[in-house]
């Protein structure tokens, strides 16, 4: 994609004073699915970008994408969907049951099992290091999902929003905070299938607003699939430039303009 300028602006709050610059890598026992983790290339783990692949894929291409994005001060965690698609010999996975016994796509799939797994993963990631977790602040965790993975991250955001509106006795640590952002490519909300354009992105959902009202929508052309060119990635990169947290090694809490950016594979 070449060089891109990421402007880390005022929407990204300053980091927690005294928090560790290098987070411990997640362990197999803490994440109940296969995964690939890469620390930030610049040695400062200020953000965590979690990537979810689409239907019929694995975590491997998205782990490569996460590394090639080269987002500043951002570690990446690519997750494999928990379910293998039946009757296929190659590695092909699904986030939730997608086909009936005849191999036809289900009209009304249930993403709840995938959302429960994602809840467990987030809880593990935000646990303090002394509790065998990774110590990530919830507001430093960002999600990127494609296709079915995009649906899961969008449904996760909706689930957290609904939880925030629920009875206080049923709220947990996730409900009292907010994930930093989501980007969903070709991943419509199952409850609102016609609401999705090519990309849905949000930052800091408010409990006083509808999720659909806080989603930023942008797209390109008529082609389907992952963005590939510089122009197709521009809106997503600009969005990340506004919402990623940033910390200078010598000066806590500053939000500099950081040069660099995605060097993307020609095709996933």
C-alpha atoms as a PDB file:
ATOM      1  CA  UNK A   1       0.000   0.000   0.000  1.00  0.00           C
ATOM      2  CA  UNK A   2       2.995   2.275   0.331  1.00  0.00           C
ATOM      3  CA  UNK A   3       3.498   5.027   2.863  1.00  0.00           C
ATOM      4  CA  UNK A   4       0.483   6.316   4.747  1.00  0.00           C
ATOM      5  CA  UNK A   5       0.313   8.943   7.459  1.00  0.00           C
ATOM      6  CA  UNK A   6      -1.623   7.960  10.544  1.00  0.00           C
ATOM      7  CA  UNK A   7      -2.872  10.996  12.432  1.00  0.00           C
ATOM      8  CA  UNK A   8      -3.488   9.889  15.997  1.00  0.00           C
ATOM      9  CA  UNK A   9      -5.908  12.565  17.037  1.00  0.00           C
ATOM     10  CA  UNK A  10      -7.891  13.632  20.072  1.00  0.00           C
ATOM     11  CA  UNK A  11     -10.485  10.837  19.817  1.00  0.00           C
ATOM     12  CA  UNK A  12      -7.861   8.408  21.129  1.00  0.00           C
ATOM     13  CA  UNK A  13      -7.449   8.933  24.864  1.00  0.00           C
ATOM     14  CA  UNK A  14      -4.050   8.817  26.511  1.00  0.00           C
ATOM     15  CA  UNK A  15      -2.691   5.529  27.776  1.00  0.00           C
ATOM     16  CA  UNK A  16      -2.885   4.421  31.367  1.00  0.00           C
ATOM     17  CA  UNK A  17       0.034   5.893  33.228  1.00  0.00           C
ATOM     18  CA  UNK A  18       2.511   3.256  34.279  1.00  0.00           C
ATOM     19  CA  UNK A  19       1.041   0.502  32.106  1.00  0.00           C
ATOM     20  CA  UNK A  20       3.514  -1.958  30.611  1.00  0.00           C
ATOM     21  CA  UNK A  21       4.924  -1.113  27.180  1.00  0.00           C
ATOM     22  CA  UNK A  22       5.258  -4.800  26.307  1.00  0.00           C
ATOM     23  CA  UNK A  23       2.306  -7.040  27.121  1.00  0.00           C
ATOM     24  CA  UNK A  24       2.755 -10.773  27.779  1.00  0.00           C
ATOM     25  CA  UNK A  25       1.843 -12.945  24.832  1.00  0.00           C
ATOM     26  CA  UNK A  26      -1.466 -14.792  25.257  1.00  0.00           C
ATOM     27  CA  UNK A  27      -1.208 -18.436  26.230  1.00  0.00           C
ATOM     28  CA  UNK A  28      -2.921 -21.470  24.763  1.00  0.00           C
ATOM     29  CA  UNK A  29      -4.750 -22.122  28.000  1.00  0.00           C
ATOM     30  CA  UNK A  30      -6.286 -18.648  28.005  1.00  0.00           C
ATOM     31  CA  UNK A  31      -7.664 -18.596  24.460  1.00  0.00           C
ATOM     32  CA  UNK A  32      -9.963 -21.515  23.561  1.00  0.00           C
ATOM     33  CA  UNK A  33      -9.286 -21.418  19.788  1.00  0.00           C
ATOM     34  CA  UNK A  34      -6.203 -21.577  17.602  1.00  0.00           C
ATOM     35  CA  UNK A  35      -4.525 -18.200  17.193  1.00  0.00           C
ATOM     36  CA  UNK A  36      -1.467 -16.328  16.004  1.00  0.00           C
ATOM     37  CA  UNK A  37      -0.084 -13.413  18.027  1.00  0.00           C
ATOM     38  CA  UNK A  38       2.490 -10.783  17.028  1.00  0.00           C
ATOM     39  CA  UNK A  39       3.740  -8.026  19.346  1.00  0.00           C
ATOM     40  CA  UNK A  40       4.008  -4.498  18.026  1.00  0.00           C
ATOM     41  CA  UNK A  41       6.876  -4.061  15.596  1.00  0.00           C
ATOM     42  CA  UNK A  42       8.030  -0.879  17.335  1.00  0.00           C
ATOM     43  CA  UNK A  43       8.228  -2.478  20.782  1.00  0.00           C
ATOM     44  CA  UNK A  44       5.300  -0.587  22.355  1.00  0.00           C
ATOM     45  CA  UNK A  45       2.147  -2.660  22.861  1.00  0.00           C
ATOM     46  CA  UNK A  46      -0.312   0.187  23.321  1.00  0.00           C
ATOM     47  CA  UNK A  47      -3.141  -1.274  21.203  1.00  0.00           C
ATOM     48  CA  UNK A  48      -4.300  -4.779  20.380  1.00  0.00           C
ATOM     49  CA  UNK A  49      -5.928  -5.432  17.009  1.00  0.00           C
ATOM     50  CA  UNK A  50      -7.892  -8.701  16.971  1.00  0.00           C
ATOM     51  CA  UNK A  51      -8.575 -10.095  13.505  1.00  0.00           C
ATOM     52  CA  UNK A  52     -11.386 -12.523  12.614  1.00  0.00           C
ATOM     53  CA  UNK A  53     -11.361 -14.266   9.237  1.00  0.00           C
ATOM     54  CA  UNK A  54     -14.338 -15.033   7.032  1.00  0.00           C
ATOM     55  CA  UNK A  55     -16.318 -18.203   6.414  1.00  0.00           C
ATOM     56  CA  UNK A  56     -14.168 -21.066   5.124  1.00  0.00           C
ATOM     57  CA  UNK A  57     -10.805 -19.518   5.997  1.00  0.00           C
ATOM     58  CA  UNK A  58      -8.229 -19.825   8.807  1.00  0.00           C
ATOM     59  CA  UNK A  59      -6.325 -17.421  11.013  1.00  0.00           C
ATOM     60  CA  UNK A  60      -3.125 -17.682   8.944  1.00  0.00           C
ATOM     61  CA  UNK A  61      -3.822 -15.124   6.158  1.00  0.00           C
ATOM     62  CA  UNK A  62      -5.136 -12.614   8.669  1.00  0.00           C
ATOM     63  CA  UNK A  63      -2.109 -13.050  10.919  1.00  0.00           C
ATOM     64  CA  UNK A  64      -0.019 -12.103   7.883  1.00  0.00           C
ATOM     65  CA  UNK A  65      -2.292  -9.149   7.179  1.00  0.00           C
ATOM     66  CA  UNK A  66      -1.966  -7.929  10.761  1.00  0.00           C
ATOM     67  CA  UNK A  67       1.831  -7.937  10.509  1.00  0.00           C
ATOM     68  CA  UNK A  68       1.815  -6.250   7.117  1.00  0.00           C
ATOM     69  CA  UNK A  69      -0.460  -3.462   8.286  1.00  0.00           C
ATOM     70  CA  UNK A  70       2.407  -2.239  10.512  1.00  0.00           C
ATOM     71  CA  UNK A  71       0.055  -0.142  12.622  1.00  0.00           C
ATOM     72  CA  UNK A  72       2.116   1.858  15.134  1.00  0.00           C
ATOM     73  CA  UNK A  73       2.212   0.660  18.742  1.00  0.00           C
ATOM     74  CA  UNK A  74      -0.214  -2.133  17.892  1.00  0.00           C
ATOM     75  CA  UNK A  75       0.063  -5.858  18.597  1.00  0.00           C
ATOM     76  CA  UNK A  76      -2.103  -8.201  16.534  1.00  0.00           C
ATOM     77  CA  UNK A  77      -4.031 -11.343  17.426  1.00  0.00           C
ATOM     78  CA  UNK A  78      -5.548 -13.426  14.644  1.00  0.00           C
ATOM     79  CA  UNK A  79      -8.162 -15.970  15.780  1.00  0.00           C
ATOM     80  CA  UNK A  80      -9.321 -19.158  14.084  1.00  0.00           C
ATOM     81  CA  UNK A  81     -13.044 -19.852  14.082  1.00  0.00           C
ATOM     82  CA  UNK A  82     -13.960 -22.746  16.402  1.00  0.00           C
ATOM     83  CA  UNK A  83     -15.908 -24.937  13.983  1.00  0.00           C
ATOM     84  CA  UNK A  84     -14.623 -26.884  10.995  1.00  0.00           C
ATOM     85  CA  UNK A  85     -16.938 -26.818   7.984  1.00  0.00           C
ATOM     86  CA  UNK A  86     -18.143 -30.418   7.507  1.00  0.00           C
ATOM     87  CA  UNK A  87     -17.462 -32.543   4.433  1.00  0.00           C
ATOM     88  CA  UNK A  88     -14.448 -30.487   3.327  1.00  0.00           C
ATOM     89  CA  UNK A  89     -10.929 -31.910   3.235  1.00  0.00           C
ATOM     90  CA  UNK A  90      -9.090 -28.587   3.387  1.00  0.00           C
ATOM     91  CA  UNK A  91      -8.799 -26.414   6.473  1.00  0.00           C
ATOM     92  CA  UNK A  92     -11.998 -24.363   6.371  1.00  0.00           C
ATOM     93  CA  UNK A  93     -13.612 -23.003   9.510  1.00  0.00           C
ATOM     94  CA  UNK A  94     -16.813 -21.247  10.555  1.00  0.00           C
ATOM     95  CA  UNK A  95     -17.568 -18.986  13.506  1.00  0.00           C
ATOM     96  CA  UNK A  96     -21.034 -20.457  13.936  1.00  0.00           C
ATOM     97  CA  UNK A  97     -23.084 -23.202  12.266  1.00  0.00           C
ATOM     98  CA  UNK A  98     -23.741 -21.983   8.748  1.00  0.00           C
ATOM     99  CA  UNK A  99     -25.091 -24.914   6.714  1.00  0.00           C
ATOM    100  CA  UNK A 100     -28.012 -27.285   6.962  1.00  0.00           C
ATOM    101  CA  UNK A 101     -27.783 -31.040   6.320  1.00  0.00           C
ATOM    102  CA  UNK A 102     -28.117 -30.457   2.580  1.00  0.00           C
ATOM    103  CA  UNK A 103     -25.209 -28.030   2.532  1.00  0.00           C
ATOM    104  CA  UNK A 104     -27.403 -24.961   2.050  1.00  0.00           C
ATOM    105  CA  UNK A 105     -26.648 -21.765   3.952  1.00  0.00           C
ATOM    106  CA  UNK A 106     -28.875 -21.316   6.990  1.00  0.00           C
ATOM    107  CA  UNK A 107     -31.320 -18.435   6.644  1.00  0.00           C
ATOM    108  CA  UNK A 108     -31.155 -17.559  10.344  1.00  0.00           C
ATOM    109  CA  UNK A 109     -27.850 -18.702  11.873  1.00  0.00           C
ATOM    110  CA  UNK A 110     -27.199 -18.352  15.592  1.00  0.00           C
ATOM    111  CA  UNK A 111     -23.926 -16.524  16.409  1.00  0.00           C
ATOM    112  CA  UNK A 112     -24.304 -16.918  20.196  1.00  0.00           C
ATOM    113  CA  UNK A 113     -21.634 -19.654  20.642  1.00  0.00           C
ATOM    114  CA  UNK A 114     -19.060 -17.497  18.819  1.00  0.00           C
ATOM    115  CA  UNK A 115     -19.995 -14.449  20.907  1.00  0.00           C
ATOM    116  CA  UNK A 116     -19.574 -16.450  24.121  1.00  0.00           C
ATOM    117  CA  UNK A 117     -16.104 -17.552  22.995  1.00  0.00           C
ATOM    118  CA  UNK A 118     -15.217 -13.952  22.185  1.00  0.00           C
ATOM    119  CA  UNK A 119     -16.423 -12.902  25.644  1.00  0.00           C
ATOM    120  CA  UNK A 120     -14.068 -15.466  27.225  1.00  0.00           C
ATOM    121  CA  UNK A 121     -11.166 -14.267  25.122  1.00  0.00           C
ATOM    122  CA  UNK A 122     -11.750 -10.624  26.005  1.00  0.00           C
ATOM    123  CA  UNK A 123     -12.030 -11.447  29.713  1.00  0.00           C
ATOM    124  CA  UNK A 124      -8.706 -13.287  29.538  1.00  0.00           C
ATOM    125  CA  UNK A 125      -6.985 -10.467  27.659  1.00  0.00           C
ATOM    126  CA  UNK A 126      -8.060  -7.763  30.108  1.00  0.00           C
ATOM    127  CA  UNK A 127      -7.136  -9.700  33.252  1.00  0.00           C
ATOM    128  CA  UNK A 128      -4.193  -8.187  35.099  1.00  0.00           C
ATOM    129  CA  UNK A 129      -0.832  -9.833  34.497  1.00  0.00           C
ATOM    130  CA  UNK A 130      -0.713 -10.970  38.144  1.00  0.00           C
ATOM    131  CA  UNK A 131      -3.885 -13.000  37.482  1.00  0.00           C
ATOM    132  CA  UNK A 132      -2.336 -14.866  34.542  1.00  0.00           C
ATOM    133  CA  UNK A 133      -4.062 -12.598  32.053  1.00  0.00           C
ATOM    134  CA  UNK A 134      -2.489 -10.168  29.630  1.00  0.00           C
ATOM    135  CA  UNK A 135      -3.375  -6.832  31.216  1.00  0.00           C
ATOM    136  CA  UNK A 136      -4.869  -5.134  28.154  1.00  0.00           C
ATOM    137  CA  UNK A 137      -7.192  -2.216  28.957  1.00  0.00           C
ATOM    138  CA  UNK A 138     -10.554  -2.832  27.303  1.00  0.00           C
ATOM    139  CA  UNK A 139     -10.405   0.561  25.615  1.00  0.00           C
ATOM    140  CA  UNK A 140      -7.181  -0.442  23.861  1.00  0.00           C
ATOM    141  CA  UNK A 141      -8.691  -3.484  22.142  1.00  0.00           C
ATOM    142  CA  UNK A 142      -9.736  -3.061  18.493  1.00  0.00           C
ATOM    143  CA  UNK A 143     -11.446  -5.582  16.210  1.00  0.00           C
ATOM    144  CA  UNK A 144     -11.228  -6.182  12.472  1.00  0.00           C
ATOM    145  CA  UNK A 145     -13.466  -8.812  10.894  1.00  0.00           C
ATOM    146  CA  UNK A 146     -14.213  -9.942   7.358  1.00  0.00           C
ATOM    147  CA  UNK A 147     -17.390 -11.648   6.176  1.00  0.00           C
ATOM    148  CA  UNK A 148     -18.643 -13.963   8.898  1.00  0.00           C
ATOM    149  CA  UNK A 149     -15.861 -12.710  11.171  1.00  0.00           C
ATOM    150  CA  UNK A 150     -17.095  -9.177  10.520  1.00  0.00           C
ATOM    151  CA  UNK A 151     -20.589 -10.210  11.525  1.00  0.00           C
ATOM    152  CA  UNK A 152     -19.224 -11.649  14.773  1.00  0.00           C
ATOM    153  CA  UNK A 153     -17.394  -8.440  15.737  1.00  0.00           C
ATOM    154  CA  UNK A 154     -20.439  -6.321  14.843  1.00  0.00           C
ATOM    155  CA  UNK A 155     -22.724  -8.610  16.861  1.00  0.00           C
ATOM    156  CA  UNK A 156     -20.209  -8.482  19.730  1.00  0.00           C
ATOM    157  CA  UNK A 157     -20.423  -4.681  19.777  1.00  0.00           C
ATOM    158  CA  UNK A 158     -24.225  -4.862  19.744  1.00  0.00           C
ATOM    159  CA  UNK A 159     -24.162  -7.436  22.555  1.00  0.00           C
ATOM    160  CA  UNK A 160     -21.968  -5.222  24.737  1.00  0.00           C
ATOM    161  CA  UNK A 161     -24.194  -2.240  24.068  1.00  0.00           C
ATOM    162  CA  UNK A 162     -27.282  -4.213  25.081  1.00  0.00           C
ATOM    163  CA  UNK A 163     -25.450  -5.405  28.196  1.00  0.00           C
ATOM    164  CA  UNK A 164     -24.688  -1.822  29.159  1.00  0.00           C
ATOM    165  CA  UNK A 165     -28.405  -1.062  29.013  1.00  0.00           C
ATOM    166  CA  UNK A 166     -29.280  -4.112  31.129  1.00  0.00           C
ATOM    167  CA  UNK A 167     -29.901  -4.402  34.826  1.00  0.00           C
ATOM    168  CA  UNK A 168     -26.892  -3.335  36.900  1.00  0.00           C
ATOM    169  CA  UNK A 169     -26.881  -6.654  38.761  1.00  0.00           C
ATOM    170  CA  UNK A 170     -26.089  -8.470  35.521  1.00  0.00           C
ATOM    171  CA  UNK A 171     -23.301  -6.215  34.339  1.00  0.00           C
ATOM    172  CA  UNK A 172     -19.735  -7.480  34.337  1.00  0.00           C
ATOM    173  CA  UNK A 173     -16.343  -5.907  33.679  1.00  0.00           C
ATOM    174  CA  UNK A 174     -17.013  -5.784  29.944  1.00  0.00           C
ATOM    175  CA  UNK A 175     -20.309  -3.967  30.358  1.00  0.00           C
ATOM    176  CA  UNK A 176     -18.652  -1.272  32.476  1.00  0.00           C
ATOM    177  CA  UNK A 177     -16.138  -0.469  29.748  1.00  0.00           C
ATOM    178  CA  UNK A 178     -15.986  -0.162  26.009  1.00  0.00           C
ATOM    179  CA  UNK A 179     -13.901  -1.855  23.364  1.00  0.00           C
ATOM    180  CA  UNK A 180     -11.960   0.757  21.445  1.00  0.00           C
ATOM    181  CA  UNK A 181     -13.302   0.168  17.931  1.00  0.00           C
ATOM    182  CA  UNK A 182     -14.508  -2.332  15.367  1.00  0.00           C
ATOM    183  CA  UNK A 183     -14.117  -2.510  11.612  1.00  0.00           C
ATOM    184  CA  UNK A 184     -16.410  -4.984   9.857  1.00  0.00           C
ATOM    185  CA  UNK A 185     -15.901  -5.640   6.151  1.00  0.00           C
ATOM    186  CA  UNK A 186     -18.769  -7.436   4.369  1.00  0.00           C
ATOM    187  CA  UNK A 187     -20.134  -8.488   7.766  1.00  0.00           C
ATOM    188  CA  UNK A 188     -23.753  -7.369   8.266  1.00  0.00           C
ATOM    189  CA  UNK A 189     -25.526  -7.467  11.583  1.00  0.00           C
ATOM    190  CA  UNK A 190     -27.784 -10.531  11.494  1.00  0.00           C
ATOM    191  CA  UNK A 191     -30.681  -8.597  13.010  1.00  0.00           C
ATOM    192  CA  UNK A 192     -30.317  -5.822  10.420  1.00  0.00           C
ATOM    193  CA  UNK A 193     -29.034  -7.558   7.252  1.00  0.00           C
ATOM    194  CA  UNK A 194     -29.903  -4.619   4.991  1.00  0.00           C
ATOM    195  CA  UNK A 195     -28.133  -2.051   7.156  1.00  0.00           C
ATOM    196  CA  UNK A 196     -24.629  -3.052   6.114  1.00  0.00           C
ATOM    197  CA  UNK A 197     -22.640  -1.469   3.327  1.00  0.00           C
ATOM    198  CA  UNK A 198     -19.134  -2.573   2.475  1.00  0.00           C
ATOM    199  CA  UNK A 199     -17.593  -1.445   5.752  1.00  0.00           C
ATOM    200  CA  UNK A 200     -19.025  -0.700   9.168  1.00  0.00           C
ATOM    201  CA  UNK A 201     -16.822   0.958  11.751  1.00  0.00           C
ATOM    202  CA  UNK A 202     -17.505   2.406  15.157  1.00  0.00           C
ATOM    203  CA  UNK A 203     -15.664   4.027  18.024  1.00  0.00           C
ATOM    204  CA  UNK A 204     -16.975   4.358  21.589  1.00  0.00           C
ATOM    205  CA  UNK A 205     -20.606   3.307  21.348  1.00  0.00           C
ATOM    206  CA  UNK A 206     -22.775   5.433  23.620  1.00  0.00           C
ATOM    207  CA  UNK A 207     -25.476   3.818  25.745  1.00  0.00           C
ATOM    208  CA  UNK A 208     -27.756   6.699  24.784  1.00  0.00           C
ATOM    209  CA  UNK A 209     -27.496   6.027  21.054  1.00  0.00           C
ATOM    210  CA  UNK A 210     -28.442   3.261  18.676  1.00  0.00           C
ATOM    211  CA  UNK A 211     -25.537   1.143  17.507  1.00  0.00           C
ATOM    212  CA  UNK A 212     -26.603   1.698  13.923  1.00  0.00           C
ATOM    213  CA  UNK A 213     -26.440   5.457  14.432  1.00  0.00           C
ATOM    214  CA  UNK A 214     -22.853   5.295  15.677  1.00  0.00           C
ATOM    215  CA  UNK A 215     -21.616   3.091  12.847  1.00  0.00           C
ATOM    216  CA  UNK A 216     -19.577   4.899  10.275  1.00  0.00           C
ATOM    217  CA  UNK A 217     -20.291   3.508   6.811  1.00  0.00           C
ATOM    218  CA  UNK A 218     -18.065   3.784   3.809  1.00  0.00           C
ATOM    219  CA  UNK A 219     -17.470   1.668   0.736  1.00  0.00           C
ATOM    220  CA  UNK A 220     -15.955   1.524  -2.702  1.00  0.00           C
ATOM    221  CA  UNK A 221     -17.171   0.350  -6.077  1.00  0.00           C
ATOM    222  CA  UNK A 222     -19.268  -2.726  -6.672  1.00  0.00           C
ATOM    223  CA  UNK A 223     -16.653  -5.444  -6.217  1.00  0.00           C
ATOM    224  CA  UNK A 224     -16.909  -7.731  -3.211  1.00  0.00           C
ATOM    225  CA  UNK A 225     -14.185  -9.035  -0.935  1.00  0.00           C
ATOM    226  CA  UNK A 226     -11.338  -7.552   1.043  1.00  0.00           C
ATOM    227  CA  UNK A 227      -9.990  -4.093   0.178  1.00  0.00           C
ATOM    228  CA  UNK A 228      -6.699  -4.390  -1.710  1.00  0.00           C
ATOM    229  CA  UNK A 229      -5.613  -1.072  -3.205  1.00  0.00           C
ATOM    230  CA  UNK A 230      -4.380   2.019  -1.377  1.00  0.00           C
ATOM    231  CA  UNK A 231      -7.614   3.838  -2.191  1.00  0.00           C
ATOM    232  CA  UNK A 232      -9.743   0.978  -0.850  1.00  0.00           C
ATOM    233  CA  UNK A 233      -7.822   0.885   2.428  1.00  0.00           C
ATOM    234  CA  UNK A 234      -7.630   4.666   2.844  1.00  0.00           C
ATOM    235  CA  UNK A 235     -10.854   5.105   4.824  1.00  0.00           C
ATOM    236  CA  UNK A 236     -10.060   2.240   7.199  1.00  0.00           C
ATOM    237  CA  UNK A 237      -6.503   3.435   7.805  1.00  0.00           C
ATOM    238  CA  UNK A 238      -7.721   6.981   8.415  1.00  0.00           C
ATOM    239  CA  UNK A 239     -10.260   5.633  10.898  1.00  0.00           C
ATOM    240  CA  UNK A 240      -7.551   3.696  12.761  1.00  0.00           C
ATOM    241  CA  UNK A 241      -5.373   6.801  12.730  1.00  0.00           C
ATOM    242  CA  UNK A 242      -8.039   8.613  14.754  1.00  0.00           C
ATOM    243  CA  UNK A 243      -8.904   5.867  17.232  1.00  0.00           C
ATOM    244  CA  UNK A 244      -5.620   4.075  17.978  1.00  0.00           C
ATOM    245  CA  UNK A 245      -4.052   5.004  21.276  1.00  0.00           C
ATOM    246  CA  UNK A 246      -0.488   6.288  21.176  1.00  0.00           C
ATOM    247  CA  UNK A 247       2.400   6.740  23.579  1.00  0.00           C
ATOM    248  CA  UNK A 248       5.846   8.140  23.002  1.00  0.00           C
ATOM    249  CA  UNK A 249       8.690   6.208  24.671  1.00  0.00           C
ATOM    250  CA  UNK A 250       9.915   9.354  26.446  1.00  0.00           C
ATOM    251  CA  UNK A 251       6.673  11.314  26.896  1.00  0.00           C
ATOM    252  CA  UNK A 252       3.513   9.674  28.192  1.00  0.00           C
ATOM    253  CA  UNK A 253       0.152  10.493  26.726  1.00  0.00           C
ATOM    254  CA  UNK A 254       1.106  12.359  23.545  1.00  0.00           C
ATOM    255  CA  UNK A 255      -0.576  11.697  20.206  1.00  0.00           C
ATOM    256  CA  UNK A 256       1.985  12.309  17.478  1.00  0.00           C
ATOM    257  CA  UNK A 257       1.592  12.089  13.734  1.00  0.00           C
ATOM    258  CA  UNK A 258       3.208   8.748  12.894  1.00  0.00           C
ATOM    259  CA  UNK A 259       4.474   7.986   9.397  1.00  0.00           C
ATOM    260  CA  UNK A 260       4.252   4.487   8.001  1.00  0.00           C
ATOM    261  CA  UNK A 261       1.370   2.246   7.176  1.00  0.00           C
ATOM    262  CA  UNK A 262       0.107  -0.902   5.590  1.00  0.00           C
ATOM    263  CA  UNK A 263       2.202  -2.839   3.126  1.00  0.00           C
ATOM    264  CA  UNK A 264      -0.546  -5.139   2.015  1.00  0.00           C
ATOM    265  CA  UNK A 265      -0.491  -8.466   0.202  1.00  0.00           C
ATOM    266  CA  UNK A 266      -1.954  -8.227  -3.312  1.00  0.00           C
ATOM    267  CA  UNK A 267      -4.611 -10.757  -2.386  1.00  0.00           C
ATOM    268  CA  UNK A 268      -5.750 -12.699   0.653  1.00  0.00           C
END
